[in-house]
Amino acid sequence: MQGLRPHYLDLRNIDRALGVGDFLVFLLSGFVVSQLLVGGGEATISNLVIVSIAAFVFSRMAQHNSVYRIPAHKVTPRLVRRILRACLLTFLVVATVTVAFRLGAQYTREWLFVWAATVVLCILLYRMVVCAIVRFAMSRGHLQRRVAIYGGDAQGVAVIEHLKASDDANYLLVGFYDERFKRVPASIEGYERRGGLAELEDAVERGYVDEVIVALPLSAVERLTQIMNRLSRYSVTVLFAPDLAMWRFFDRPFEVVGGAPMLRAMEAPIEGWAGVAKFIEDRLLASLVLVLISPVLIAAAIAIKLDSKGPVFFRQPRRGWNGGIFTIYKFRTMRTDLADFAGAAQTTKDDPRVTRVGRFLRRTSIDELPQLLNVIQGDMSLVGPRPHALGTKSEGKPFEEAVADYMRRYRVKPGITGWAQVNGWRGETDTNRKLLVRVRYDIEYIENWNFWFDLYILAMTPLSLVMRSENAY
């Protein structure tokens, strides 16, 4: 077992530094390519400005594309896809800015393509080098935080099972300690009991343990105080595991209220200035897009009228913010004599109720564009969880009953597009698993919302319609 070592030498800090490395690789490779193809001299400053802005945009795109959720010791096909997607969106922005601001004839398509290819190759090469170094260090017993559990009863078992199931490479569980030999087992999930508090102190003093997780009921105040006093003399991190009843909220932060720590079980999303930004984003962009796509809307309306009898628009009650009911607008895509106003029967592949024009509108999501009116009216947002018909069911149960956290989606306004949709979850939701995955994406969006996240989803929506339209029918 390794002894004392600096606390900054762990995998978590390397994972945090990946973003800085990606930014610098993007910046340096872009600047070198620009200097070679565009030229130096007077163009040096403009090259540096363009490349710096692009590097910043890439860092934001990479963040929202979950590039940094894959740790440094892994280079997987998923990581490559996410890096490619972030680069593609970044260079779409660069191309748009270059054309819109007429930066100069020297900034050619050749420059852009060479820069993009160089950046992708350099970032992937950098990641592979980092991965190789990190794996070598891990094989020598470095970088991982060595964790010991104090407590071997039900709470200790829960902690050990959780750490083992999480497969988190940042931590290496070295065993558990508990002097209550008659009450606790000799091993849990293959990890041995290494003694009591005295043996734990000895391991910490020798530098064999970096972190101690105390898995005892928080009501045992005297015992917890004794353990803290015994360990306070050492340079070690001490964590209290939550009580068994709190495991549902173990990922929640604490907030100090009146000087006392309170567990923040739930937080009101998108409030304050964030709410103001969301309001302006929705009204401004929805109005602008509505004007720009008006020819498409007119063409769709004419096609619907020529294809089948009935109104151009389909109106249906949906549940929105705070569970309130509103009327959603869509282009009609079904025959009026077979329409299902309650939405009890989900649309399936080759559904006979869908008209010829309706099939095209649904596949391209043009049928959803009238919801821009819902956004302007304030019932919907451009980005958010998709609103479902009130009568829709999954495996015979209403959505609210099929998935426990479904109603958390009502904490924000529903959207025309969403995080689940750009990740390929469109179309029929006929199983609880499909619904559960969508709800998880929706909750992830709600809990991590920011303005850049919305822009990323809006930018990804057209690409997802082209690349992931097989479930849209």
Foldseek 3Di string as FASTA:
>chain_A
DDFADDPCQAQVNVLVCLLVVLLVLQQVLQLVLCCVQLHDDPCNVVSNVLSNVLSVQLSLQLVLLCLSVDTLLDDDPSNLVSSLVSLVVSLVVSVVCCVVVVPDPSCDPVSSVVSSVSSSVRSSVVSVVSNVVVVVQVVVVTRAAEEEEEDAPPQSLVVVVVVVVVPDRNYDYQAYEDQPPVHGDQHHPRGGHPYHLVVVLVCQVRRNHAEYEYRDAVVPPVVVVVSCVSPVVGNHHYHYQYDPVCPVQRVFDWDADPNDTDTCSDDQFQDDVSVVVQLCVLQVVLVVVCVVCVVVVVVQQVVVVVFADDHQWDWAWWAWAPRDIDIAIFGDFFHPVPDDRQCQDFDDPPRVRGTPSSLVCQLLVVRLSVRSVVSNVPQAGQEAAAIHRQNYDAPPHGLCVLDVCQCVSNSHGHHSYYQCQLVQLDADRHHSVSSVVSSVRRVVCRVDPDPSSVVSRVSSNNVSSVVRSPRGD
